[in-house]
Protein backbone atom coordinates (compact mmCIF):
# COMPACT_ATOMS: atom_id res chain seq x y z
CA UNK A 1 11.88 3.43 -22.60
CA UNK A 2 13.51 2.22 -25.77
CA UNK A 3 16.63 0.07 -25.64
CA UNK A 4 18.51 2.77 -27.52
CA UNK A 5 17.89 5.38 -24.81
CA UNK A 6 17.92 3.22 -21.74
CA UNK A 7 21.60 3.45 -20.75
CA UNK A 8 21.58 0.05 -19.05
CA UNK A 9 23.80 -2.91 -19.85
CA UNK A 10 22.09 -5.64 -21.86
CA UNK A 11 21.86 -7.96 -18.85
CA UNK A 12 19.97 -5.37 -16.72
CA UNK A 13 16.36 -4.14 -17.00
CA UNK A 14 13.91 -2.01 -15.06
CA UNK A 15 11.06 -4.08 -13.61
CA UNK A 16 8.49 -1.26 -13.81
CA UNK A 17 7.51 1.39 -16.32
CA UNK A 18 6.26 4.93 -15.90
CA UNK A 19 2.83 3.67 -16.93
CA UNK A 20 2.83 1.06 -14.12
CA UNK A 21 3.53 3.73 -11.51
CA UNK A 22 1.09 6.21 -13.04
CA UNK A 23 -1.70 3.61 -13.07
CA UNK A 24 -1.00 2.72 -9.43
CA UNK A 25 -0.87 6.25 -8.06
CA UNK A 26 -3.58 7.79 -10.22
CA UNK A 27 -4.36 11.31 -8.95
CA UNK A 28 -1.54 11.14 -6.40
CA UNK A 29 1.01 11.16 -9.23
CA UNK A 30 1.02 14.97 -9.17
CA UNK A 31 2.70 14.77 -5.72
CA UNK A 32 5.66 12.92 -7.29
CA UNK A 33 8.31 15.50 -8.10
CA UNK A 34 10.98 13.08 -9.33
CA UNK A 35 10.61 9.65 -10.95
CA UNK A 36 14.01 8.11 -11.58
CA UNK A 37 15.06 4.93 -13.35
CA UNK A 38 18.46 4.29 -11.82
CA UNK A 39 21.34 3.24 -14.03
CA UNK A 40 24.08 2.66 -11.47
CA UNK A 41 25.66 -0.53 -10.30
CA UNK A 42 23.83 -3.34 -8.54
CA UNK A 43 21.49 -2.09 -5.78
CA UNK A 44 21.48 -5.48 -4.11
CA UNK A 45 18.01 -6.66 -3.16
CA UNK A 46 16.45 -3.15 -3.43
CA UNK A 47 13.97 -3.05 -6.32
CA UNK A 48 11.94 0.08 -5.51
CA UNK A 49 12.52 3.13 -3.38
CA UNK A 50 10.39 6.07 -2.38
CA UNK A 51 11.37 9.18 -0.47
CA UNK A 52 9.60 12.18 0.95
CA UNK A 53 11.64 15.31 0.23
CA UNK A 54 10.77 17.64 3.09
CA UNK A 55 10.70 21.44 2.86
CA UNK A 56 13.54 21.86 5.34
CA UNK A 57 16.61 24.05 4.83
CA UNK A 58 19.78 22.10 4.13
CA UNK A 59 22.23 24.98 4.03
CA UNK A 60 22.80 27.83 6.41
CA UNK A 61 19.76 30.04 5.99
CA UNK A 62 18.83 28.67 2.58
CA UNK A 63 15.67 26.75 1.96
CA UNK A 64 14.82 24.05 -0.50
CA UNK A 65 13.09 25.00 -3.74
CA UNK A 66 9.33 24.46 -3.39
CA UNK A 67 9.14 22.46 -6.62
CA UNK A 68 11.41 19.77 -5.16
CA UNK A 69 9.19 19.18 -2.11
CA UNK A 70 7.24 15.98 -2.62
CA UNK A 71 7.86 12.35 -3.39
CA UNK A 72 10.81 10.86 -5.25
CA UNK A 73 10.43 7.35 -6.63
CA UNK A 74 13.43 5.27 -7.69
CA UNK A 75 13.09 2.17 -9.85
CA UNK A 76 16.20 0.02 -9.43
CA UNK A 77 17.44 -2.22 -12.25
CA UNK A 78 17.33 -6.01 -11.92
CA UNK A 79 18.77 -8.87 -13.94
CA UNK A 80 17.00 -9.00 -17.29
CA UNK A 81 16.21 -12.68 -16.79
CA UNK A 82 14.31 -11.82 -13.58
CA UNK A 83 12.45 -8.80 -14.92
CA UNK A 84 9.09 -10.46 -15.62
CA UNK A 85 8.88 -12.24 -12.27
CA UNK A 86 9.99 -9.11 -10.38
CA UNK A 87 7.49 -6.97 -12.28
CA UNK A 88 4.63 -9.30 -11.35
CA UNK A 89 5.54 -9.15 -7.65
CA UNK A 90 5.97 -5.37 -7.67
CA UNK A 91 2.67 -4.75 -9.48
CA UNK A 92 0.78 -7.10 -7.16
CA UNK A 93 2.35 -6.12 -3.82
CA UNK A 94 4.76 -3.17 -3.86
CA UNK A 95 2.75 -0.70 -5.94
CA UNK A 96 -0.36 -0.95 -3.71
CA UNK A 97 1.93 -0.52 -0.68
CA UNK A 98 3.53 2.51 -2.35
CA UNK A 99 0.06 3.97 -2.94
CA UNK A 100 -0.82 3.43 0.74
CA UNK A 101 2.48 4.96 1.93
CA UNK A 102 1.94 8.07 -0.20
CA UNK A 103 -1.71 8.36 0.87
CA UNK A 104 -0.70 8.18 4.55
CA UNK A 105 2.14 10.66 4.02
CA UNK A 106 -0.16 13.21 2.39
CA UNK A 107 -2.51 12.98 5.39
CA UNK A 108 0.35 12.90 7.93
CA UNK A 109 0.86 15.44 10.67
CA UNK A 110 3.05 18.45 10.02
CA UNK A 111 5.89 17.03 12.13
CA UNK A 112 6.12 14.01 9.82
CA UNK A 113 6.00 16.16 6.70
CA UNK A 114 8.79 18.43 7.93
CA UNK A 115 11.30 15.58 8.07
CA UNK A 116 12.73 13.56 5.17
CA UNK A 117 11.71 9.90 4.94
CA UNK A 118 12.79 6.96 2.78
CA UNK A 119 10.99 3.70 2.16
CA UNK A 120 12.52 0.71 0.34
CA UNK A 121 11.18 -2.51 -1.12
CA UNK A 122 13.60 -5.44 -1.23
CA UNK A 123 13.16 -8.70 -3.10
CA UNK A 124 15.22 -11.58 -1.72
CA UNK A 125 14.65 -15.18 -2.83
CA UNK A 126 11.17 -14.30 -4.06
CA UNK A 127 10.19 -12.68 -0.74
CA UNK A 128 9.27 -8.96 -0.82
CA UNK A 129 9.89 -6.86 2.29
CA UNK A 130 9.50 -3.15 2.86
CA UNK A 131 10.18 -0.61 5.59
CA UNK A 132 11.24 2.93 6.33
CA UNK A 133 14.96 3.41 6.35
CA UNK A 134 17.37 6.26 6.88
CA UNK A 135 14.67 8.57 8.21
CA UNK A 136 15.33 10.82 11.09
CA UNK A 137 13.41 10.09 14.25
CA UNK A 138 11.96 13.60 14.55
CA UNK A 139 8.21 13.46 14.44
CA UNK A 140 8.21 9.77 15.24
CA UNK A 141 7.01 8.18 18.44
CA UNK A 142 8.72 5.22 20.15
CA UNK A 143 6.37 2.25 20.13
CA UNK A 144 6.08 2.11 23.93
CA UNK A 145 5.28 5.85 24.21
CA UNK A 146 2.70 5.58 21.47
CA UNK A 147 0.94 2.80 23.32
CA UNK A 148 1.15 4.75 26.59
CA UNK A 149 -0.47 7.83 25.08
CA UNK A 150 -3.07 5.76 23.24
CA UNK A 151 -1.84 6.29 19.68
CA UNK A 152 -2.44 2.61 18.93
CA UNK A 153 -4.33 -0.21 20.51
CA UNK A 154 -2.22 -2.68 22.44
CA UNK A 155 -2.98 -6.22 23.40
CA UNK A 156 -0.27 -6.34 26.01
CA UNK A 157 3.20 -7.42 25.03
CA UNK A 158 2.25 -8.88 21.67
CA UNK A 159 5.27 -7.46 19.85
CA UNK A 160 3.04 -5.58 17.41
CA UNK A 161 5.08 -4.42 14.44
CA UNK A 162 3.94 -1.54 12.23
CA UNK A 163 3.16 -2.30 8.56
CA UNK A 164 6.00 -4.63 7.62
CA UNK A 165 8.75 -2.87 9.56
CA UNK A 166 10.94 -4.23 12.27
CA UNK A 167 11.57 -0.78 13.69
CA UNK A 168 10.99 0.11 17.32
CA UNK A 169 9.69 3.48 16.09
CA UNK A 170 6.29 4.15 14.63
CA UNK A 171 4.90 7.12 12.76
CA UNK A 172 2.01 8.81 14.52
CA UNK A 173 0.16 8.45 11.20
CA UNK A 174 0.14 4.68 11.60
CA UNK A 175 -2.36 4.77 14.42
CA UNK A 176 -4.78 1.90 14.58
């Protein structure tokens, strides 16, 4: 996006481009219904966000338009001086994780797809973390129940954590 049309202060920049995301997702890009380059105030350590917009009604008796069902990706601005370093980390780590998250979501059970989900990538002191956040727990299985019913292998009380999260809940799609 050109500097003239970017609507960001001079000291802020987006770490990724549309081309970066398109190259990462490839054929899955057609599932993305909204790609946003945020212009608001500082997002803190959040550098990338993804959300599943579920086909659930939000108003009394009214549904959501079918064209809005799908994935929304938000690219958060960073300090312009940190853009190159942030871009390298996101291209190497976050974009493949985004691809995996979308691939798993497309293949997920109907209960997962009927609930909204959000996933964020945070960059703090050069360390990238990611996890689901702000999702409802419908369609999700508590870790202990999942082990009991054999959704995932357990090696006892190892404290197994699902794919970079520290949540005590695990999607049924993250079976091992």
